Amino acid sequence: MSYPENQSTLIKWLSTLFILWLGLWLLLLIFLPREYYTVLFFLLGIAPILGWFMVQPRRVIWFFMIFFGVNKLDD
């Protein structure tokens, strides 16, 4: 495989890992008692979101366009 194909496969695997990590964290958030809710616990929950944006920075632009309701389809 060439370099771009390897990079694309890596990005897919990392994205899948981040989604699984976030899903597991959300399950823990639902089922764990409140005494486990610490700053570290919430930082571990935010980590896959930050990682997902770091793998492909263009997603930050997509996120803010969706968040602020920017519609580029009329251009």
PDB file of N, CA and C in Angstrom:
ATOM      1  N   MET A   1       0.834  -1.190   0.000  1.00  0.00           N
ATOM      2  CA  MET A   1       0.000   0.000   0.000  1.00  0.00           C
ATOM      3  C   MET A   1       0.875   1.249   0.000  1.00  0.00           C
ATOM      4  N   SER A   2       0.375   2.244  -0.649  1.00  0.00           N
ATOM      5  CA  SER A   2       1.108   3.503  -0.664  1.00  0.00           C
ATOM      6  C   SER A   2       0.859   4.273   0.633  1.00  0.00           C
ATOM      7  N   TYR A   3       1.607   5.325   0.790  1.00  0.00           N
ATOM      8  CA  TYR A   3       1.525   6.113   2.025  1.00  0.00           C
ATOM      9  C   TYR A   3       0.125   6.684   2.289  1.00  0.00           C
ATOM     10  N   PRO A   4      -0.549   7.295   1.301  1.00  0.00           N
ATOM     11  CA  PRO A   4      -1.892   7.830   1.583  1.00  0.00           C
ATOM     12  C   PRO A   4      -2.888   6.746   2.001  1.00  0.00           C
ATOM     13  N   GLU A   5      -2.764   5.541   1.422  1.00  0.00           N
ATOM     14  CA  GLU A   5      -3.673   4.455   1.807  1.00  0.00           C
ATOM     15  C   GLU A   5      -3.404   4.026   3.242  1.00  0.00           C
ATOM     16  N   ASN A   6      -2.125   3.953   3.623  1.00  0.00           N
ATOM     17  CA  ASN A   6      -1.791   3.608   5.007  1.00  0.00           C
ATOM     18  C   ASN A   6      -2.318   4.665   5.968  1.00  0.00           C
ATOM     19  N   GLN A   7      -2.177   5.914   5.593  1.00  0.00           N
ATOM     20  CA  GLN A   7      -2.647   6.996   6.452  1.00  0.00           C
ATOM     21  C   GLN A   7      -4.166   6.956   6.577  1.00  0.00           C
ATOM     22  N   SER A   8      -4.860   6.667   5.490  1.00  0.00           N
ATOM     23  CA  SER A   8      -6.316   6.588   5.527  1.00  0.00           C
ATOM     24  C   SER A   8      -6.775   5.447   6.427  1.00  0.00           C
ATOM     25  N   THR A   9      -6.099   4.301   6.341  1.00  0.00           N
ATOM     26  CA  THR A   9      -6.439   3.166   7.198  1.00  0.00           C
ATOM     27  C   THR A   9      -6.182   3.506   8.656  1.00  0.00           C
ATOM     28  N   LEU A  10      -5.084   4.170   8.934  1.00  0.00           N
ATOM     29  CA  LEU A  10      -4.771   4.577  10.300  1.00  0.00           C
ATOM     30  C   LEU A  10      -5.834   5.529  10.842  1.00  0.00           C
ATOM     31  N   ILE A  11      -6.253   6.483  10.031  1.00  0.00           N
ATOM     32  CA  ILE A  11      -7.274   7.436  10.461  1.00  0.00           C
ATOM     33  C   ILE A  11      -8.586   6.717  10.745  1.00  0.00           C
ATOM     34  N   LYS A  12      -8.943   5.740   9.917  1.00  0.00           N
ATOM     35  CA  LYS A  12     -10.180   4.984  10.157  1.00  0.00           C
ATOM     36  C   LYS A  12     -10.104   4.222  11.470  1.00  0.00           C
ATOM     37  N   TRP A  13      -8.970   3.569  11.732  1.00  0.00           N
ATOM     38  CA  TRP A  13      -8.818   2.816  12.976  1.00  0.00           C
ATOM     39  C   TRP A  13      -8.824   3.738  14.188  1.00  0.00           C
ATOM     40  N   LEU A  14      -8.144   4.867  14.096  1.00  0.00           N
ATOM     41  CA  LEU A  14      -8.133   5.813  15.209  1.00  0.00           C
ATOM     42  C   LEU A  14      -9.524   6.393  15.458  1.00  0.00           C
ATOM     43  N   SER A  15     -10.242   6.699  14.395  1.00  0.00           N
ATOM     44  CA  SER A  15     -11.600   7.210  14.553  1.00  0.00           C
ATOM     45  C   SER A  15     -12.488   6.178  15.226  1.00  0.00           C
ATOM     46  N   THR A  16     -12.349   4.920  14.826  1.00  0.00           N
ATOM     47  CA  THR A  16     -13.123   3.849  15.453  1.00  0.00           C
ATOM     48  C   THR A  16     -12.757   3.708  16.922  1.00  0.00           C
ATOM     49  N   LEU A  17     -11.469   3.792  17.225  1.00  0.00           N
ATOM     50  CA  LEU A  17     -11.020   3.697  18.611  1.00  0.00           C
ATOM     51  C   LEU A  17     -11.585   4.841  19.452  1.00  0.00           C
ATOM     52  N   PHE A  18     -11.565   6.056  18.917  1.00  0.00           N
ATOM     53  CA  PHE A  18     -12.102   7.198  19.649  1.00  0.00           C
ATOM     54  C   PHE A  18     -13.597   7.042  19.902  1.00  0.00           C
ATOM     55  N   ILE A  19     -14.329   6.534  18.913  1.00  0.00           N
ATOM     56  CA  ILE A  19     -15.772   6.348  19.075  1.00  0.00           C
ATOM     57  C   ILE A  19     -16.059   5.284  20.122  1.00  0.00           C
ATOM     58  N   LEU A  20     -15.308   4.178  20.104  1.00  0.00           N
ATOM     59  CA  LEU A  20     -15.498   3.133  21.113  1.00  0.00           C
ATOM     60  C   LEU A  20     -15.158   3.652  22.506  1.00  0.00           C
ATOM     61  N   TRP A  21     -14.086   4.409  22.618  1.00  0.00           N
ATOM     62  CA  TRP A  21     -13.678   4.982  23.901  1.00  0.00           C
ATOM     63  C   TRP A  21     -14.772   5.905  24.443  1.00  0.00           C
ATOM     64  N   LEU A  22     -15.296   6.759  23.586  1.00  0.00           N
ATOM     65  CA  LEU A  22     -16.352   7.674  24.007  1.00  0.00           C
ATOM     66  C   LEU A  22     -17.612   6.905  24.408  1.00  0.00           C
ATOM     67  N   GLY A  23     -17.947   5.867  23.645  1.00  0.00           N
ATOM     68  CA  GLY A  23     -19.110   5.044  23.987  1.00  0.00           C
ATOM     69  C   GLY A  23     -18.951   4.372  25.337  1.00  0.00           C
ATOM     70  N   LEU A  24     -17.779   3.834  25.596  1.00  0.00           N
ATOM     71  CA  LEU A  24     -17.516   3.201  26.891  1.00  0.00           C
ATOM     72  C   LEU A  24     -17.602   4.228  28.012  1.00  0.00           C
ATOM     73  N   TRP A  25     -17.062   5.406  27.780  1.00  0.00           N
ATOM     74  CA  TRP A  25     -17.123   6.454  28.798  1.00  0.00           C
ATOM     75  C   TRP A  25     -18.568   6.857  29.088  1.00  0.00           C
ATOM     76  N   LEU A  26     -19.381   6.961  28.042  1.00  0.00           N
ATOM     77  CA  LEU A  26     -20.784   7.313  28.255  1.00  0.00           C
ATOM     78  C   LEU A  26     -21.519   6.235  29.043  1.00  0.00           C
ATOM     79  N   LEU A  27     -21.213   4.968  28.767  1.00  0.00           N
ATOM     80  CA  LEU A  27     -21.810   3.879  29.551  1.00  0.00           C
ATOM     81  C   LEU A  27     -21.388   3.970  31.012  1.00  0.00           C
ATOM     82  N   LEU A  28     -20.114   4.234  31.242  1.00  0.00           N
ATOM     83  CA  LEU A  28     -19.644   4.398  32.617  1.00  0.00           C
ATOM     84  C   LEU A  28     -20.317   5.593  33.288  1.00  0.00           C
ATOM     85  N   LEU A  29     -20.515   6.656  32.540  1.00  0.00           N
ATOM     86  CA  LEU A  29     -21.183   7.836  33.082  1.00  0.00           C
ATOM     87  C   LEU A  29     -22.607   7.503  33.524  1.00  0.00           C
ATOM     88  N   ILE A  30     -23.262   6.641  32.781  1.00  0.00           N
ATOM     89  CA  ILE A  30     -24.638   6.263  33.115  1.00  0.00           C
ATOM     90  C   ILE A  30     -24.681   5.339  34.324  1.00  0.00           C
ATOM     91  N   PHE A  31     -23.789   4.343  34.372  1.00  0.00           N
ATOM     92  CA  PHE A  31     -23.925   3.270  35.354  1.00  0.00           C
ATOM     93  C   PHE A  31     -23.074   3.415  36.614  1.00  0.00           C
ATOM     94  N   LEU A  32     -22.051   4.258  36.599  1.00  0.00           N
ATOM     95  CA  LEU A  32     -21.222   4.402  37.799  1.00  0.00           C
ATOM     96  C   LEU A  32     -21.892   5.319  38.818  1.00  0.00           C
ATOM     97  N   PRO A  33     -21.665   5.053  40.097  1.00  0.00           N
ATOM     98  CA  PRO A  33     -22.187   5.967  41.126  1.00  0.00           C
ATOM     99  C   PRO A  33     -21.489   7.326  41.056  1.00  0.00           C
ATOM    100  N   ARG A  34     -22.107   8.313  41.640  1.00  0.00           N
ATOM    101  CA  ARG A  34     -21.596   9.690  41.560  1.00  0.00           C
ATOM    102  C   ARG A  34     -20.227   9.879  42.197  1.00  0.00           C
ATOM    103  N   GLU A  35     -19.831   9.051  43.129  1.00  0.00           N
ATOM    104  CA  GLU A  35     -18.525   9.259  43.773  1.00  0.00           C
ATOM    105  C   GLU A  35     -17.352   9.023  42.814  1.00  0.00           C
ATOM    106  N   TYR A  36     -17.621   8.396  41.672  1.00  0.00           N
ATOM    107  CA  TYR A  36     -16.569   8.184  40.673  1.00  0.00           C
ATOM    108  C   TYR A  36     -16.445   9.361  39.704  1.00  0.00           C
ATOM    109  N   TYR A  37     -17.331  10.326  39.783  1.00  0.00           N
ATOM    110  CA  TYR A  37     -17.282  11.470  38.880  1.00  0.00           C
ATOM    111  C   TYR A  37     -16.234  12.455  39.389  1.00  0.00           C
ATOM    112  N   THR A  38     -15.038  12.326  38.891  1.00  0.00           N
ATOM    113  CA  THR A  38     -13.943  13.207  39.275  1.00  0.00           C
ATOM    114  C   THR A  38     -13.503  14.018  38.059  1.00  0.00           C
ATOM    115  N   VAL A  39     -12.603  14.948  38.289  1.00  0.00           N
ATOM    116  CA  VAL A  39     -12.069  15.748  37.183  1.00  0.00           C
ATOM    117  C   VAL A  39     -11.367  14.842  36.176  1.00  0.00           C
ATOM    118  N   LEU A  40     -10.599  13.884  36.663  1.00  0.00           N
ATOM    119  CA  LEU A  40      -9.898  12.958  35.768  1.00  0.00           C
ATOM    120  C   LEU A  40     -10.883  12.147  34.933  1.00  0.00           C
ATOM    121  N   PHE A  41     -11.979  11.734  35.542  1.00  0.00           N
ATOM    122  CA  PHE A  41     -12.998  10.970  34.818  1.00  0.00           C
ATOM    123  C   PHE A  41     -13.551  11.787  33.648  1.00  0.00           C
ATOM    124  N   PHE A  42     -13.833  13.065  33.887  1.00  0.00           N
ATOM    125  CA  PHE A  42     -14.368  13.898  32.816  1.00  0.00           C
ATOM    126  C   PHE A  42     -13.308  14.246  31.776  1.00  0.00           C
ATOM    127  N   LEU A  43     -12.056  14.379  32.188  1.00  0.00           N
ATOM    128  CA  LEU A  43     -10.981  14.600  31.212  1.00  0.00           C
ATOM    129  C   LEU A  43     -10.807  13.383  30.314  1.00  0.00           C
ATOM    130  N   LEU A  44     -10.944  12.195  30.886  1.00  0.00           N
ATOM    131  CA  LEU A  44     -10.862  10.978  30.073  1.00  0.00           C
ATOM    132  C   LEU A  44     -12.031  10.888  29.095  1.00  0.00           C
ATOM    133  N   GLY A  45     -13.147  11.478  29.444  1.00  0.00           N
ATOM    134  CA  GLY A  45     -14.282  11.505  28.530  1.00  0.00           C
ATOM    135  C   GLY A  45     -14.097  12.493  27.395  1.00  0.00           C
ATOM    136  N   ILE A  46     -13.391  13.573  27.664  1.00  0.00           N
ATOM    137  CA  ILE A  46     -13.156  14.589  26.640  1.00  0.00           C
ATOM    138  C   ILE A  46     -11.998  14.190  25.719  1.00  0.00           C
ATOM    139  N   ALA A  47     -11.096  13.376  26.203  1.00  0.00           N
ATOM    140  CA  ALA A  47      -9.901  12.995  25.433  1.00  0.00           C
ATOM    141  C   ALA A  47     -10.220  12.418  24.055  1.00  0.00           C
ATOM    142  N   PRO A  48     -11.183  11.487  23.906  1.00  0.00           N
ATOM    143  CA  PRO A  48     -11.431  10.975  22.559  1.00  0.00           C
ATOM    144  C   PRO A  48     -12.008  12.025  21.620  1.00  0.00           C
ATOM    145  N   ILE A  49     -12.743  12.983  22.166  1.00  0.00           N
ATOM    146  CA  ILE A  49     -13.285  14.045  21.319  1.00  0.00           C
ATOM    147  C   ILE A  49     -12.144  14.915  20.801  1.00  0.00           C
ATOM    148  N   LEU A  50     -11.236  15.281  21.684  1.00  0.00           N
ATOM    149  CA  LEU A  50     -10.072  16.067  21.261  1.00  0.00           C
ATOM    150  C   LEU A  50      -9.207  15.272  20.290  1.00  0.00           C
ATOM    151  N   GLY A  51      -9.022  13.989  20.562  1.00  0.00           N
ATOM    152  CA  GLY A  51      -8.243  13.140  19.664  1.00  0.00           C
ATOM    153  C   GLY A  51      -8.877  13.023  18.297  1.00  0.00           C
ATOM    154  N   TRP A  52     -10.196  12.929  18.264  1.00  0.00           N
ATOM    155  CA  TRP A  52     -10.908  12.813  16.993  1.00  0.00           C
ATOM    156  C   TRP A  52     -10.692  14.063  16.156  1.00  0.00           C
ATOM    157  N   PHE A  53     -10.709  15.232  16.808  1.00  0.00           N
ATOM    158  CA  PHE A  53     -10.450  16.469  16.083  1.00  0.00           C
ATOM    159  C   PHE A  53      -8.986  16.583  15.669  1.00  0.00           C
ATOM    160  N   MET A  54      -8.067  16.030  16.451  1.00  0.00           N
ATOM    161  CA  MET A  54      -6.647  16.130  16.122  1.00  0.00           C
ATOM    162  C   MET A  54      -6.265  15.219  14.962  1.00  0.00           C
ATOM    163  N   VAL A  55      -6.964  14.093  14.808  1.00  0.00           N
ATOM    164  CA  VAL A  55      -6.650  13.177  13.713  1.00  0.00           C
ATOM    165  C   VAL A  55      -6.943  13.844  12.377  1.00  0.00           C
ATOM    166  N   GLN A  56      -8.066  14.532  12.290  1.00  0.00           N
ATOM    167  CA  GLN A  56      -8.394  15.256  11.067  1.00  0.00           C
ATOM    168  C   GLN A  56      -8.881  16.650  11.450  1.00  0.00           C
ATOM    169  N   PRO A  57      -7.996  17.628  11.430  1.00  0.00           N
ATOM    170  CA  PRO A  57      -8.356  18.983  11.872  1.00  0.00           C
ATOM    171  C   PRO A  57      -9.508  19.610  11.088  1.00  0.00           C
ATOM    172  N   ARG A  58      -9.752  19.154   9.874  1.00  0.00           N
ATOM    173  CA  ARG A  58     -10.848  19.717   9.087  1.00  0.00           C
ATOM    174  C   ARG A  58     -12.196  19.506   9.784  1.00  0.00           C
ATOM    175  N   ARG A  59     -12.270  18.476  10.622  1.00  0.00           N
ATOM    176  CA  ARG A  59     -13.515  18.215  11.346  1.00  0.00           C
ATOM    177  C   ARG A  59     -13.859  19.339  12.307  1.00  0.00           C
ATOM    178  N   VAL A  60     -12.856  20.065  12.779  1.00  0.00           N
ATOM    179  CA  VAL A  60     -13.120  21.215  13.650  1.00  0.00           C
ATOM    180  C   VAL A  60     -13.936  22.246  12.878  1.00  0.00           C
ATOM    181  N   ILE A  61     -13.567  22.482  11.633  1.00  0.00           N
ATOM    182  CA  ILE A  61     -14.301  23.425  10.791  1.00  0.00           C
ATOM    183  C   ILE A  61     -15.716  22.920  10.564  1.00  0.00           C
ATOM    184  N   TRP A  62     -15.870  21.620  10.264  1.00  0.00           N
ATOM    185  CA  TRP A  62     -17.208  21.048  10.067  1.00  0.00           C
ATOM    186  C   TRP A  62     -18.052  21.225  11.317  1.00  0.00           C
ATOM    187  N   PHE A  63     -17.454  20.942  12.473  1.00  0.00           N
ATOM    188  CA  PHE A  63     -18.181  21.045  13.736  1.00  0.00           C
ATOM    189  C   PHE A  63     -18.695  22.467  13.949  1.00  0.00           C
ATOM    190  N   PHE A  64     -17.818  23.459  13.767  1.00  0.00           N
ATOM    191  CA  PHE A  64     -18.237  24.841  13.999  1.00  0.00           C
ATOM    192  C   PHE A  64     -19.247  25.304  12.954  1.00  0.00           C
ATOM    193  N   MET A  65     -19.135  24.816  11.727  1.00  0.00           N
ATOM    194  CA  MET A  65     -20.125  25.166  10.713  1.00  0.00           C
ATOM    195  C   MET A  65     -21.496  24.617  11.098  1.00  0.00           C
ATOM    196  N   ILE A  66     -21.529  23.393  11.602  1.00  0.00           N
ATOM    197  CA  ILE A  66     -22.795  22.803  12.038  1.00  0.00           C
ATOM    198  C   ILE A  66     -23.297  23.518  13.286  1.00  0.00           C
ATOM    199  N   PHE A  67     -22.394  23.764  14.232  1.00  0.00           N
ATOM    200  CA  PHE A  67     -22.768  24.385  15.505  1.00  0.00           C
ATOM    201  C   PHE A  67     -23.352  25.785  15.299  1.00  0.00           C
ATOM    202  N   PHE A  68     -22.745  26.564  14.412  1.00  0.00           N
ATOM    203  CA  PHE A  68     -23.206  27.928  14.187  1.00  0.00           C
ATOM    204  C   PHE A  68     -24.214  28.036  13.040  1.00  0.00           C
ATOM    205  N   GLY A  69     -24.550  26.921  12.414  1.00  0.00           N
ATOM    206  CA  GLY A  69     -25.577  26.917  11.383  1.00  0.00           C
ATOM    207  C   GLY A  69     -25.147  27.544  10.077  1.00  0.00           C
ATOM    208  N   VAL A  70     -23.876  27.419   9.735  1.00  0.00           N
ATOM    209  CA  VAL A  70     -23.385  27.976   8.478  1.00  0.00           C
ATOM    210  C   VAL A  70     -23.776  27.029   7.353  1.00  0.00           C
ATOM    211  N   ASN A  71     -24.462  27.564   6.363  1.00  0.00           N
ATOM    212  CA  ASN A  71     -24.913  26.754   5.233  1.00  0.00           C
ATOM    213  C   ASN A  71     -24.141  27.176   3.994  1.00  0.00           C
ATOM    214  N   LYS A  72     -23.273  26.295   3.506  1.00  0.00           N
ATOM    215  CA  LYS A  72     -22.455  26.601   2.327  1.00  0.00           C
ATOM    216  C   LYS A  72     -23.068  26.018   1.056  1.00  0.00           C
ATOM    217  N   LEU A  73     -24.266  25.440   1.141  1.00  0.00           N
ATOM    218  CA  LEU A  73     -24.866  24.811  -0.026  1.00  0.00           C
ATOM    219  C   LEU A  73     -25.379  25.833  -1.032  1.00  0.00           C
ATOM    220  N   ASP A  74     -25.650  27.058  -0.596  1.00  0.00           N
ATOM    221  CA  ASP A  74     -26.168  28.080  -1.503  1.00  0.00           C
ATOM    222  C   ASP A  74     -25.088  28.698  -2.374  1.00  0.00           C
ATOM    223  N   ASP A  75     -23.827  28.493  -2.045  1.00  0.00           N
ATOM    224  CA  ASP A  75     -22.723  29.101  -2.806  1.00  0.00           C
ATOM    225  C   ASP A  75     -22.572  28.464  -4.163  1.00  0.00           C
TER     226      ASP A  75
END
